[in-house]
Amino acid sequence: MTTEQLLAHAQDVYGAQPEYLWKNAPNTFVLRHGNNRRWFAVVMDVPRRKLGLDGDGIVFILDVKCGPLLSGSYLGQPGVLPAWHMNKTHWLGVLLDGTAEDGLIRELLELSYDQTKGRR
């Protein structure tokens, strides 16, 4: 799944628009709940080497909330890593370079959305 496909899915399913919060990171955005303003996803570009991946260059990664009980079962799947930037116990990182299956990305995005609903 590309970032463009992810954004289209987030708009269609959750009504979420990307918010670009950092001027020094123009490719980084968050997706929030409309009612409580909590983040349910963060997309950023990260150097491959900082993620422990082979090769040079940048890769887009999606951070989603998962929780410690489920994260272990997801971490073994292709394209799923410990979160970048977020709490590694409660968040996962998913590569947006075609490594992770689109269905898995949608599943994790839904899980993150549900876990961040909360009250406010």
PDB file of N, CA and C in Angstrom:
ATOM      1  N   MET A   1       0.853  -1.180   0.000  1.00  0.00           N
ATOM      2  CA  MET A   1       0.000   0.000   0.000  1.00  0.00           C
ATOM      3  C   MET A   1       0.893   1.236   0.000  1.00  0.00           C
ATOM      4  N   THR A   2       0.566   2.165  -0.839  1.00  0.00           N
ATOM      5  CA  THR A   2       1.305   3.421  -0.898  1.00  0.00           C
ATOM      6  C   THR A   2       0.694   4.422   0.081  1.00  0.00           C
ATOM      7  N   THR A   3       1.394   5.519   0.315  1.00  0.00           N
ATOM      8  CA  THR A   3       0.836   6.547   1.192  1.00  0.00           C
ATOM      9  C   THR A   3      -0.444   7.133   0.587  1.00  0.00           C
ATOM     10  N   GLU A   4      -0.487   7.243  -0.736  1.00  0.00           N
ATOM     11  CA  GLU A   4      -1.686   7.769  -1.391  1.00  0.00           C
ATOM     12  C   GLU A   4      -2.873   6.836  -1.178  1.00  0.00           C
ATOM     13  N   GLN A   5      -2.649   5.529  -1.299  1.00  0.00           N
ATOM     14  CA  GLN A   5      -3.714   4.554  -1.062  1.00  0.00           C
ATOM     15  C   GLN A   5      -4.147   4.569   0.407  1.00  0.00           C
ATOM     16  N   LEU A   6      -3.183   4.706   1.296  1.00  0.00           N
ATOM     17  CA  LEU A   6      -3.488   4.788   2.724  1.00  0.00           C
ATOM     18  C   LEU A   6      -4.364   6.003   3.022  1.00  0.00           C
ATOM     19  N   LEU A   7      -4.004   7.145   2.447  1.00  0.00           N
ATOM     20  CA  LEU A   7      -4.793   8.361   2.660  1.00  0.00           C
ATOM     21  C   LEU A   7      -6.209   8.219   2.109  1.00  0.00           C
ATOM     22  N   ALA A   8      -6.345   7.607   0.951  1.00  0.00           N
ATOM     23  CA  ALA A   8      -7.676   7.400   0.374  1.00  0.00           C
ATOM     24  C   ALA A   8      -8.502   6.478   1.272  1.00  0.00           C
ATOM     25  N   HIS A   9      -7.884   5.435   1.787  1.00  0.00           N
ATOM     26  CA  HIS A   9      -8.578   4.503   2.686  1.00  0.00           C
ATOM     27  C   HIS A   9      -8.993   5.217   3.983  1.00  0.00           C
ATOM     28  N   ALA A  10      -8.086   5.993   4.558  1.00  0.00           N
ATOM     29  CA  ALA A  10      -8.381   6.709   5.810  1.00  0.00           C
ATOM     30  C   ALA A  10      -9.517   7.708   5.610  1.00  0.00           C
ATOM     31  N   GLN A  11      -9.561   8.354   4.465  1.00  0.00           N
ATOM     32  CA  GLN A  11     -10.648   9.295   4.177  1.00  0.00           C
ATOM     33  C   GLN A  11     -11.965   8.556   4.006  1.00  0.00           C
ATOM     34  N   ASP A  12     -11.937   7.484   3.220  1.00  0.00           N
ATOM     35  CA  ASP A  12     -13.167   6.735   2.937  1.00  0.00           C
ATOM     36  C   ASP A  12     -13.758   6.076   4.179  1.00  0.00           C
ATOM     37  N   VAL A  13     -12.903   5.439   4.983  1.00  0.00           N
ATOM     38  CA  VAL A  13     -13.385   4.643   6.112  1.00  0.00           C
ATOM     39  C   VAL A  13     -13.563   5.463   7.381  1.00  0.00           C
ATOM     40  N   TYR A  14     -12.626   6.367   7.656  1.00  0.00           N
ATOM     41  CA  TYR A  14     -12.624   7.087   8.941  1.00  0.00           C
ATOM     42  C   TYR A  14     -12.904   8.583   8.807  1.00  0.00           C
ATOM     43  N   GLY A  15     -12.969   9.074   7.604  1.00  0.00           N
ATOM     44  CA  GLY A  15     -13.167  10.507   7.403  1.00  0.00           C
ATOM     45  C   GLY A  15     -11.974  11.332   7.853  1.00  0.00           C
ATOM     46  N   ALA A  16     -10.802  10.707   7.890  1.00  0.00           N
ATOM     47  CA  ALA A  16      -9.592  11.373   8.401  1.00  0.00           C
ATOM     48  C   ALA A  16      -8.791  12.006   7.272  1.00  0.00           C
ATOM     49  N   GLN A  17      -8.341  13.204   7.532  1.00  0.00           N
ATOM     50  CA  GLN A  17      -7.465  13.934   6.625  1.00  0.00           C
ATOM     51  C   GLN A  17      -6.077  14.025   7.263  1.00  0.00           C
ATOM     52  N   PRO A  18      -5.027  14.026   6.462  1.00  0.00           N
ATOM     53  CA  PRO A  18      -3.688  14.128   7.051  1.00  0.00           C
ATOM     54  C   PRO A  18      -3.454  15.514   7.644  1.00  0.00           C
ATOM     55  N   GLU A  19      -2.765  15.536   8.770  1.00  0.00           N
ATOM     56  CA  GLU A  19      -2.349  16.796   9.383  1.00  0.00           C
ATOM     57  C   GLU A  19      -0.831  16.817   9.409  1.00  0.00           C
ATOM     58  N   TYR A  20      -0.269  17.813   8.763  1.00  0.00           N
ATOM     59  CA  TYR A  20       1.185  17.980   8.705  1.00  0.00           C
ATOM     60  C   TYR A  20       1.569  18.952   9.812  1.00  0.00           C
ATOM     61  N   LEU A  21       2.158  18.430  10.867  1.00  0.00           N
ATOM     62  CA  LEU A  21       2.394  19.210  12.081  1.00  0.00           C
ATOM     63  C   LEU A  21       3.788  19.812  12.197  1.00  0.00           C
ATOM     64  N   TRP A  22       4.751  19.310  11.427  1.00  0.00           N
ATOM     65  CA  TRP A  22       6.136  19.732  11.616  1.00  0.00           C
ATOM     66  C   TRP A  22       6.700  20.280  10.318  1.00  0.00           C
ATOM     67  N   LYS A  23       7.090  21.537  10.340  1.00  0.00           N
ATOM     68  CA  LYS A  23       7.664  22.176   9.153  1.00  0.00           C
ATOM     69  C   LYS A  23       8.974  21.526   8.733  1.00  0.00           C
ATOM     70  N   ASN A  24       9.735  21.039   9.712  1.00  0.00           N
ATOM     71  CA  ASN A  24      11.029  20.425   9.387  1.00  0.00           C
ATOM     72  C   ASN A  24      10.884  18.970   8.934  1.00  0.00           C
ATOM     73  N   ALA A  25       9.662  18.440   8.911  1.00  0.00           N
ATOM     74  CA  ALA A  25       9.387  17.077   8.440  1.00  0.00           C
ATOM     75  C   ALA A  25       8.165  17.123   7.515  1.00  0.00           C
ATOM     76  N   PRO A  26       8.335  17.657   6.312  1.00  0.00           N
ATOM     77  CA  PRO A  26       7.181  17.882   5.433  1.00  0.00           C
ATOM     78  C   PRO A  26       6.488  16.616   4.943  1.00  0.00           C
ATOM     79  N   ASN A  27       7.117  15.457   5.060  1.00  0.00           N
ATOM     80  CA  ASN A  27       6.492  14.204   4.628  1.00  0.00           C
ATOM     81  C   ASN A  27       5.856  13.440   5.781  1.00  0.00           C
ATOM     82  N   THR A  28       5.871  14.016   6.968  1.00  0.00           N
ATOM     83  CA  THR A  28       5.310  13.371   8.150  1.00  0.00           C
ATOM     84  C   THR A  28       3.926  13.936   8.426  1.00  0.00           C
ATOM     85  N   PHE A  29       2.976  13.032   8.633  1.00  0.00           N
ATOM     86  CA  PHE A  29       1.625  13.487   8.967  1.00  0.00           C
ATOM     87  C   PHE A  29       0.979  12.523   9.951  1.00  0.00           C
ATOM     88  N   VAL A  30      -0.051  13.016  10.612  1.00  0.00           N
ATOM     89  CA  VAL A  30      -0.829  12.202  11.546  1.00  0.00           C
ATOM     90  C   VAL A  30      -2.256  12.091  11.024  1.00  0.00           C
ATOM     91  N   LEU A  31      -2.917  11.034  11.447  1.00  0.00           N
ATOM     92  CA  LEU A  31      -4.349  10.859  11.214  1.00  0.00           C
ATOM     93  C   LEU A  31      -5.007  10.833  12.577  1.00  0.00           C
ATOM     94  N   ARG A  32      -6.067  11.624  12.737  1.00  0.00           N
ATOM     95  CA  ARG A  32      -6.730  11.766  14.032  1.00  0.00           C
ATOM     96  C   ARG A  32      -8.205  11.384  13.942  1.00  0.00           C
ATOM     97  N   HIS A  33      -8.724  11.050  15.113  1.00  0.00           N
ATOM     98  CA  HIS A  33     -10.172  10.914  15.257  1.00  0.00           C
ATOM     99  C   HIS A  33     -10.784  12.300  15.153  1.00  0.00           C
ATOM    100  N   GLY A  34     -11.927  12.390  14.529  1.00  0.00           N
ATOM    101  CA  GLY A  34     -12.598  13.669  14.412  1.00  0.00           C
ATOM    102  C   GLY A  34     -13.174  14.173  15.716  1.00  0.00           C
ATOM    103  N   ASN A  35     -13.590  13.256  16.597  1.00  0.00           N
ATOM    104  CA  ASN A  35     -14.263  13.689  17.824  1.00  0.00           C
ATOM    105  C   ASN A  35     -13.307  13.965  18.981  1.00  0.00           C
ATOM    106  N   ASN A  36     -12.288  13.149  19.178  1.00  0.00           N
ATOM    107  CA  ASN A  36     -11.424  13.353  20.342  1.00  0.00           C
ATOM    108  C   ASN A  36     -10.027  13.868  19.993  1.00  0.00           C
ATOM    109  N   ARG A  37      -9.729  13.976  18.700  1.00  0.00           N
ATOM    110  CA  ARG A  37      -8.462  14.531  18.194  1.00  0.00           C
ATOM    111  C   ARG A  37      -7.249  13.657  18.512  1.00  0.00           C
ATOM    112  N   ARG A  38      -7.458  12.442  19.005  1.00  0.00           N
ATOM    113  CA  ARG A  38      -6.340  11.541  19.273  1.00  0.00           C
ATOM    114  C   ARG A  38      -5.798  10.977  17.962  1.00  0.00           C
ATOM    115  N   TRP A  39      -4.482  10.803  17.946  1.00  0.00           N
ATOM    116  CA  TRP A  39      -3.848  10.187  16.789  1.00  0.00           C
ATOM    117  C   TRP A  39      -4.186   8.708  16.758  1.00  0.00           C
ATOM    118  N   PHE A  40      -4.473   8.191  15.576  1.00  0.00           N
ATOM    119  CA  PHE A  40      -4.564   6.743  15.423  1.00  0.00           C
ATOM    120  C   PHE A  40      -3.534   6.237  14.421  1.00  0.00           C
ATOM    121  N   ALA A  41      -2.831   7.145  13.763  1.00  0.00           N
ATOM    122  CA  ALA A  41      -1.764   6.752  12.843  1.00  0.00           C
ATOM    123  C   ALA A  41      -0.802   7.915  12.629  1.00  0.00           C
ATOM    124  N   VAL A  42       0.437   7.554  12.404  1.00  0.00           N
ATOM    125  CA  VAL A  42       1.476   8.520  12.048  1.00  0.00           C
ATOM    126  C   VAL A  42       2.226   7.936  10.864  1.00  0.00           C
ATOM    127  N   VAL A  43       2.430   8.734   9.830  1.00  0.00           N
ATOM    128  CA  VAL A  43       3.216   8.311   8.675  1.00  0.00           C
ATOM    129  C   VAL A  43       4.417   9.233   8.578  1.00  0.00           C
ATOM    130  N   MET A  44       5.581   8.624   8.390  1.00  0.00           N
ATOM    131  CA  MET A  44       6.802   9.419   8.270  1.00  0.00           C
ATOM    132  C   MET A  44       7.782   8.717   7.354  1.00  0.00           C
ATOM    133  N   ASP A  45       8.695   9.488   6.809  1.00  0.00           N
ATOM    134  CA  ASP A  45       9.772   8.904   6.025  1.00  0.00           C
ATOM    135  C   ASP A  45      11.001   8.791   6.916  1.00  0.00           C
ATOM    136  N   VAL A  46      11.620   7.619   6.883  1.00  0.00           N
ATOM    137  CA  VAL A  46      12.721   7.301   7.781  1.00  0.00           C
ATOM    138  C   VAL A  46      13.832   6.653   6.962  1.00  0.00           C
ATOM    139  N   PRO A  47      15.087   7.012   7.225  1.00  0.00           N
ATOM    140  CA  PRO A  47      16.180   6.310   6.542  1.00  0.00           C
ATOM    141  C   PRO A  47      16.140   4.809   6.865  1.00  0.00           C
ATOM    142  N   ARG A  48      16.306   3.992   5.832  1.00  0.00           N
ATOM    143  CA  ARG A  48      16.238   2.533   5.993  1.00  0.00           C
ATOM    144  C   ARG A  48      17.180   2.038   7.078  1.00  0.00           C
ATOM    145  N   ARG A  49      18.363   2.587   7.133  1.00  0.00           N
ATOM    146  CA  ARG A  49      19.365   2.116   8.099  1.00  0.00           C
ATOM    147  C   ARG A  49      18.936   2.370   9.543  1.00  0.00           C
ATOM    148  N   LYS A  50      18.178   3.448   9.787  1.00  0.00           N
ATOM    149  CA  LYS A  50      17.710   3.732  11.150  1.00  0.00           C
ATOM    150  C   LYS A  50      16.701   2.696  11.624  1.00  0.00           C
ATOM    151  N   LEU A  51      16.078   2.014  10.686  1.00  0.00           N
ATOM    152  CA  LEU A  51      15.115   0.963  11.020  1.00  0.00           C
ATOM    153  C   LEU A  51      15.775  -0.415  11.060  1.00  0.00           C
ATOM    154  N   GLY A  52      17.082  -0.445  10.797  1.00  0.00           N
ATOM    155  CA  GLY A  52      17.794  -1.719  10.768  1.00  0.00           C
ATOM    156  C   GLY A  52      17.599  -2.472   9.465  1.00  0.00           C
ATOM    157  N   LEU A  53      17.174  -1.769   8.417  1.00  0.00           N
ATOM    158  CA  LEU A  53      16.947  -2.388   7.113  1.00  0.00           C
ATOM    159  C   LEU A  53      18.172  -2.237   6.227  1.00  0.00           C
ATOM    160  N   ASP A  54      18.361  -3.185   5.339  1.00  0.00           N
ATOM    161  CA  ASP A  54      19.458  -3.109   4.384  1.00  0.00           C
ATOM    162  C   ASP A  54      19.179  -2.032   3.346  1.00  0.00           C
ATOM    163  N   GLY A  55      20.252  -1.526   2.775  1.00  0.00           N
ATOM    164  CA  GLY A  55      20.135  -0.569   1.689  1.00  0.00           C
ATOM    165  C   GLY A  55      20.129   0.866   2.169  1.00  0.00           C
ATOM    166  N   ASP A  56      20.311   1.723   1.198  1.00  0.00           N
ATOM    167  CA  ASP A  56      20.285   3.156   1.457  1.00  0.00           C
ATOM    168  C   ASP A  56      18.905   3.694   1.092  1.00  0.00           C
ATOM    169  N   GLY A  57      18.712   4.952   1.377  1.00  0.00           N
ATOM    170  CA  GLY A  57      17.472   5.591   0.988  1.00  0.00           C
ATOM    171  C   GLY A  57      16.480   5.695   2.120  1.00  0.00           C
ATOM    172  N   ILE A  58      15.313   6.155   1.747  1.00  0.00           N
ATOM    173  CA  ILE A  58      14.234   6.464   2.681  1.00  0.00           C
ATOM    174  C   ILE A  58      13.081   5.497   2.429  1.00  0.00           C
ATOM    175  N   VAL A  59      12.383   5.155   3.492  1.00  0.00           N
ATOM    176  CA  VAL A  59      11.177   4.345   3.380  1.00  0.00           C
ATOM    177  C   VAL A  59      10.080   5.017   4.210  1.00  0.00           C
ATOM    178  N   PHE A  60       8.854   4.942   3.712  1.00  0.00           N
ATOM    179  CA  PHE A  60       7.727   5.449   4.494  1.00  0.00           C
ATOM    180  C   PHE A  60       7.272   4.358   5.441  1.00  0.00           C
ATOM    181  N   ILE A  61       6.965   4.771   6.668  1.00  0.00           N
ATOM    182  CA  ILE A  61       6.509   3.844   7.697  1.00  0.00           C
ATOM    183  C   ILE A  61       5.248   4.398   8.338  1.00  0.00           C
ATOM    184  N   LEU A  62       4.335   3.498   8.650  1.00  0.00           N
ATOM    185  CA  LEU A  62       3.081   3.828   9.307  1.00  0.00           C
ATOM    186  C   LEU A  62       3.165   3.316  10.736  1.00  0.00           C
ATOM    187  N   ASP A  63       3.044   4.191  11.724  1.00  0.00           N
ATOM    188  CA  ASP A  63       2.981   3.779  13.120  1.00  0.00           C
ATOM    189  C   ASP A  63       1.514   3.703  13.534  1.00  0.00           C
ATOM    190  N   VAL A  64       1.136   2.553  14.113  1.00  0.00           N
ATOM    191  CA  VAL A  64      -0.236   2.320  14.562  1.00  0.00           C
ATOM    192  C   VAL A  64      -0.222   1.761  15.980  1.00  0.00           C
ATOM    193  N   LYS A  65      -1.251   2.093  16.734  1.00  0.00           N
ATOM    194  CA  LYS A  65      -1.358   1.586  18.100  1.00  0.00           C
ATOM    195  C   LYS A  65      -1.849   0.144  18.059  1.00  0.00           C
ATOM    196  N   CYS A  66      -1.198  -0.701  18.850  1.00  0.00           N
ATOM    197  CA  CYS A  66      -1.542  -2.114  18.831  1.00  0.00           C
ATOM    198  C   CYS A  66      -1.751  -2.661  20.232  1.00  0.00           C
ATOM    199  N   GLY A  67      -0.905  -2.327  21.151  1.00  0.00           N
ATOM    200  CA  GLY A  67      -0.979  -2.878  22.499  1.00  0.00           C
ATOM    201  C   GLY A  67      -0.034  -4.041  22.664  1.00  0.00           C
ATOM    202  N   PRO A  68       0.473  -4.224  23.866  1.00  0.00           N
ATOM    203  CA  PRO A  68       1.510  -5.222  24.109  1.00  0.00           C
ATOM    204  C   PRO A  68       1.059  -6.668  23.929  1.00  0.00           C
ATOM    205  N   LEU A  69      -0.192  -6.963  24.142  1.00  0.00           N
ATOM    206  CA  LEU A  69      -0.650  -8.355  24.025  1.00  0.00           C
ATOM    207  C   LEU A  69      -0.690  -8.833  22.576  1.00  0.00           C
ATOM    208  N   LEU A  70      -0.996  -7.956  21.650  1.00  0.00           N
ATOM    209  CA  LEU A  70      -1.097  -8.340  20.245  1.00  0.00           C
ATOM    210  C   LEU A  70       0.175  -8.098  19.441  1.00  0.00           C
ATOM    211  N   SER A  71       1.002  -7.194  19.891  1.00  0.00           N
ATOM    212  CA  SER A  71       2.145  -6.791  19.069  1.00  0.00           C
ATOM    213  C   SER A  71       3.072  -7.954  18.731  1.00  0.00           C
ATOM    214  N   GLY A  72       3.259  -8.894  19.655  1.00  0.00           N
ATOM    215  CA  GLY A  72       4.142 -10.023  19.389  1.00  0.00           C
ATOM    216  C   GLY A  72       3.706 -10.860  18.208  1.00  0.00           C
ATOM    217  N   SER A  73       2.405 -11.034  18.032  1.00  0.00           N
ATOM    218  CA  SER A  73       1.930 -11.836  16.909  1.00  0.00           C
ATOM    219  C   SER A  73       2.081 -11.096  15.577  1.00  0.00           C
ATOM    220  N   TYR A  74       2.047  -9.792  15.612  1.00  0.00           N
ATOM    221  CA  TYR A  74       2.210  -9.026  14.379  1.00  0.00           C
ATOM    222  C   TYR A  74       3.678  -8.817  14.010  1.00  0.00           C
ATOM    223  N   LEU A  75       4.553  -8.732  15.000  1.00  0.00           N
ATOM    224  CA  LEU A  75       5.955  -8.425  14.720  1.00  0.00           C
ATOM    225  C   LEU A  75       6.641  -9.455  13.838  1.00  0.00           C
ATOM    226  N   GLY A  76       6.161 -10.668  13.782  1.00  0.00           N
ATOM    227  CA  GLY A  76       6.775 -11.688  12.944  1.00  0.00           C
ATOM    228  C   GLY A  76       6.366 -11.617  11.484  1.00  0.00           C
ATOM    229  N   GLN A  77       5.419 -10.756  11.153  1.00  0.00           N
ATOM    230  CA  GLN A  77       4.919 -10.693   9.787  1.00  0.00           C
ATOM    231  C   GLN A  77       5.772  -9.758   8.933  1.00  0.00           C
ATOM    232  N   PRO A  78       5.872 -10.041   7.635  1.00  0.00           N
ATOM    233  CA  PRO A  78       6.676  -9.195   6.744  1.00  0.00           C
ATOM    234  C   PRO A  78       6.224  -7.742   6.781  1.00  0.00           C
ATOM    235  N   GLY A  79       7.193  -6.854   6.911  1.00  0.00           N
ATOM    236  CA  GLY A  79       6.916  -5.425   6.875  1.00  0.00           C
ATOM    237  C   GLY A  79       6.493  -4.813   8.185  1.00  0.00           C
ATOM    238  N   VAL A  80       6.421  -5.604   9.260  1.00  0.00           N
ATOM    239  CA  VAL A  80       6.007  -5.079  10.562  1.00  0.00           C
ATOM    240  C   VAL A  80       7.221  -5.020  11.475  1.00  0.00           C
ATOM    241  N   LEU A  81       7.439  -3.856  12.063  1.00  0.00           N
ATOM    242  CA  LEU A  81       8.604  -3.582  12.903  1.00  0.00           C
ATOM    243  C   LEU A  81       8.156  -2.926  14.209  1.00  0.00           C
ATOM    244  N   PRO A  82       9.055  -2.853  15.180  1.00  0.00           N
ATOM    245  CA  PRO A  82       8.741  -1.996  16.334  1.00  0.00           C
ATOM    246  C   PRO A  82       8.511  -0.567  15.832  1.00  0.00           C
ATOM    247  N   ALA A  83       7.663   0.154  16.493  1.00  0.00           N
ATOM    248  CA  ALA A  83       7.330   1.512  16.065  1.00  0.00           C
ATOM    249  C   ALA A  83       8.559   2.398  15.993  1.00  0.00           C
ATOM    250  N   TRP A  84       8.492   3.352  15.091  1.00  0.00           N
ATOM    251  CA  TRP A  84       9.511   4.377  15.010  1.00  0.00           C
ATOM    252  C   TRP A  84       8.883   5.632  15.595  1.00  0.00           C
ATOM    253  N   HIS A  85       9.542   6.240  16.542  1.00  0.00           N
ATOM    254  CA  HIS A  85       9.120   7.498  17.164  1.00  0.00           C
ATOM    255  C   HIS A  85       8.111   7.295  18.294  1.00  0.00           C
ATOM    256  N   MET A  86       7.231   6.307  18.206  1.00  0.00           N
ATOM    257  CA  MET A  86       6.202   6.108  19.217  1.00  0.00           C
ATOM    258  C   MET A  86       6.650   5.046  20.222  1.00  0.00           C
ATOM    259  N   ASN A  87       5.883   4.877  21.293  1.00  0.00           N
ATOM    260  CA  ASN A  87       6.159   3.890  22.328  1.00  0.00           C
ATOM    261  C   ASN A  87       6.166   2.487  21.717  1.00  0.00           C
ATOM    262  N   LYS A  88       7.285   1.796  21.815  1.00  0.00           N
ATOM    263  CA  LYS A  88       7.442   0.501  21.162  1.00  0.00           C
ATOM    264  C   LYS A  88       6.652  -0.617  21.840  1.00  0.00           C
ATOM    265  N   THR A  89       6.141  -0.396  23.030  1.00  0.00           N
ATOM    266  CA  THR A  89       5.313  -1.396  23.700  1.00  0.00           C
ATOM    267  C   THR A  89       3.880  -1.344  23.184  1.00  0.00           C
ATOM    268  N   HIS A  90       3.407  -0.166  22.845  1.00  0.00           N
ATOM    269  CA  HIS A  90       2.005   0.021  22.472  1.00  0.00           C
ATOM    270  C   HIS A  90       1.778   0.351  21.005  1.00  0.00           C
ATOM    271  N   TRP A  91       2.845   0.555  20.249  1.00  0.00           N
ATOM    272  CA  TRP A  91       2.713   0.927  18.843  1.00  0.00           C
ATOM    273  C   TRP A  91       3.599   0.035  17.976  1.00  0.00           C
ATOM    274  N   LEU A  92       3.169  -0.195  16.740  1.00  0.00           N
ATOM    275  CA  LEU A  92       3.935  -0.941  15.745  1.00  0.00           C
ATOM    276  C   LEU A  92       4.231  -0.041  14.561  1.00  0.00           C
ATOM    277  N   GLY A  93       5.281  -0.366  13.839  1.00  0.00           N
ATOM    278  CA  GLY A  93       5.596   0.293  12.586  1.00  0.00           C
ATOM    279  C   GLY A  93       5.329  -0.662  11.434  1.00  0.00           C
ATOM    280  N   VAL A  94       4.769  -0.142  10.361  1.00  0.00           N
ATOM    281  CA  VAL A  94       4.465  -0.953   9.187  1.00  0.00           C
ATOM    282  C   VAL A  94       5.078  -0.270   7.972  1.00  0.00           C
ATOM    283  N   LEU A  95       5.880  -1.016   7.225  1.00  0.00           N
ATOM    284  CA  LEU A  95       6.513  -0.452   6.041  1.00  0.00           C
ATOM    285  C   LEU A  95       5.476  -0.231   4.948  1.00  0.00           C
ATOM    286  N   LEU A  96       5.538   0.932   4.325  1.00  0.00           N
ATOM    287  CA  LEU A  96       4.648   1.253   3.209  1.00  0.00           C
ATOM    288  C   LEU A  96       5.422   1.171   1.894  1.00  0.00           C
ATOM    289  N   ASP A  97       6.133   0.074   1.736  1.00  0.00           N
ATOM    290  CA  ASP A  97       6.948  -0.114   0.535  1.00  0.00           C
ATOM    291  C   ASP A  97       6.559  -1.371  -0.237  1.00  0.00           C
ATOM    292  N   GLY A  98       5.408  -1.947   0.096  1.00  0.00           N
ATOM    293  CA  GLY A  98       4.958  -3.159  -0.566  1.00  0.00           C
ATOM    294  C   GLY A  98       5.319  -4.431   0.183  1.00  0.00           C
ATOM    295  N   THR A  99       6.117  -4.331   1.238  1.00  0.00           N
ATOM    296  CA  THR A  99       6.505  -5.509   2.015  1.00  0.00           C
ATOM    297  C   THR A  99       5.321  -6.065   2.794  1.00  0.00           C
ATOM    298  N   ALA A 100       4.587  -5.206   3.466  1.00  0.00           N
ATOM    299  CA  ALA A 100       3.404  -5.627   4.236  1.00  0.00           C
ATOM    300  C   ALA A 100       2.202  -5.702   3.300  1.00  0.00           C
ATOM    301  N   GLU A 101       1.383  -6.717   3.480  1.00  0.00           N
ATOM    302  CA  GLU A 101       0.186  -6.872   2.656  1.00  0.00           C
ATOM    303  C   GLU A 101      -0.836  -5.784   2.969  1.00  0.00           C
ATOM    304  N   ASP A 102      -1.549  -5.358   1.950  1.00  0.00           N
ATOM    305  CA  ASP A 102      -2.549  -4.302   2.118  1.00  0.00           C
ATOM    306  C   ASP A 102      -3.604  -4.677   3.161  1.00  0.00           C
ATOM    307  N   GLY A 103      -4.037  -5.930   3.167  1.00  0.00           N
ATOM    308  CA  GLY A 103      -5.035  -6.372   4.139  1.00  0.00           C
ATOM    309  C   GLY A 103      -4.535  -6.244   5.566  1.00  0.00           C
ATOM    310  N   LEU A 104      -3.264  -6.540   5.775  1.00  0.00           N
ATOM    311  CA  LEU A 104      -2.658  -6.399   7.100  1.00  0.00           C
ATOM    312  C   LEU A 104      -2.610  -4.931   7.511  1.00  0.00           C
ATOM    313  N   ILE A 105      -2.279  -4.065   6.587  1.00  0.00           N
ATOM    314  CA  ILE A 105      -2.229  -2.636   6.890  1.00  0.00           C
ATOM    315  C   ILE A 105      -3.618  -2.127   7.273  1.00  0.00           C
ATOM    316  N   ARG A 106      -4.625  -2.515   6.524  1.00  0.00           N
ATOM    317  CA  ARG A 106      -5.998  -2.107   6.853  1.00  0.00           C
ATOM    318  C   ARG A 106      -6.422  -2.660   8.214  1.00  0.00           C
ATOM    319  N   GLU A 107      -6.059  -3.905   8.490  1.00  0.00           N
ATOM    320  CA  GLU A 107      -6.385  -4.530   9.779  1.00  0.00           C
ATOM    321  C   GLU A 107      -5.735  -3.779  10.937  1.00  0.00           C
ATOM    322  N   LEU A 108      -4.462  -3.437  10.797  1.00  0.00           N
ATOM    323  CA  LEU A 108      -3.759  -2.727  11.869  1.00  0.00           C
ATOM    324  C   LEU A 108      -4.265  -1.300  12.022  1.00  0.00           C
ATOM    325  N   LEU A 109      -4.627  -0.669  10.921  1.00  0.00           N
ATOM    326  CA  LEU A 109      -5.194   0.679  10.995  1.00  0.00           C
ATOM    327  C   LEU A 109      -6.536   0.648  11.738  1.00  0.00           C
ATOM    328  N   GLU A 110      -7.351  -0.349  11.466  1.00  0.00           N
ATOM    329  CA  GLU A 110      -8.639  -0.498  12.160  1.00  0.00           C
ATOM    330  C   GLU A 110      -8.426  -0.755  13.647  1.00  0.00           C
ATOM    331  N   LEU A 111      -7.465  -1.621  13.969  1.00  0.00           N
ATOM    332  CA  LEU A 111      -7.142  -1.903  15.366  1.00  0.00           C
ATOM    333  C   LEU A 111      -6.697  -0.632  16.083  1.00  0.00           C
ATOM    334  N   SER A 112      -5.839   0.138  15.438  1.00  0.00           N
ATOM    335  CA  SER A 112      -5.352   1.383  16.025  1.00  0.00           C
ATOM    336  C   SER A 112      -6.490   2.381  16.215  1.00  0.00           C
ATOM    337  N   TYR A 113      -7.349   2.480  15.224  1.00  0.00           N
ATOM    338  CA  TYR A 113      -8.497   3.386  15.321  1.00  0.00           C
ATOM    339  C   TYR A 113      -9.358   3.012  16.521  1.00  0.00           C
ATOM    340  N   ASP A 114      -9.636   1.719  16.657  1.00  0.00           N
ATOM    341  CA  ASP A 114     -10.468   1.262  17.775  1.00  0.00           C
ATOM    342  C   ASP A 114      -9.790   1.489  19.119  1.00  0.00           C
ATOM    343  N   GLN A 115      -8.488   1.273  19.203  1.00  0.00           N
ATOM    344  CA  GLN A 115      -7.786   1.421  20.473  1.00  0.00           C
ATOM    345  C   GLN A 115      -7.607   2.875  20.903  1.00  0.00           C
ATOM    346  N   THR A 116      -7.764   3.784  19.976  1.00  0.00           N
ATOM    347  CA  THR A 116      -7.579   5.202  20.313  1.00  0.00           C
ATOM    348  C   THR A 116      -8.893   5.973  20.367  1.00  0.00           C
ATOM    349  N   LYS A 117     -10.014   5.280  20.258  1.00  0.00           N
ATOM    350  CA  LYS A 117     -11.323   5.950  20.321  1.00  0.00           C
ATOM    351  C   LYS A 117     -11.473   6.728  21.629  1.00  0.00           C
ATOM    352  N   GLY A 118     -11.359   6.009  22.725  1.00  0.00           N
ATOM    353  CA  GLY A 118     -11.435   6.643  24.046  1.00  0.00           C
ATOM    354  C   GLY A 118     -12.627   7.558  24.201  1.00  0.00           C
ATOM    355  N   ARG A 119     -12.570   8.283  25.289  1.00  0.00           N
ATOM    356  CA  ARG A 119     -13.602   9.290  25.574  1.00  0.00           C
ATOM    357  C   ARG A 119     -12.936  10.640  25.662  1.00  0.00           C
ATOM    358  N   ARG A 120     -13.651  11.626  25.254  1.00  0.00           N
ATOM    359  CA  ARG A 120     -13.168  13.014  25.403  1.00  0.00           C
ATOM    360  C   ARG A 120     -14.243  13.972  25.050  1.00  0.00           C
TER     361      ARG A 120
END
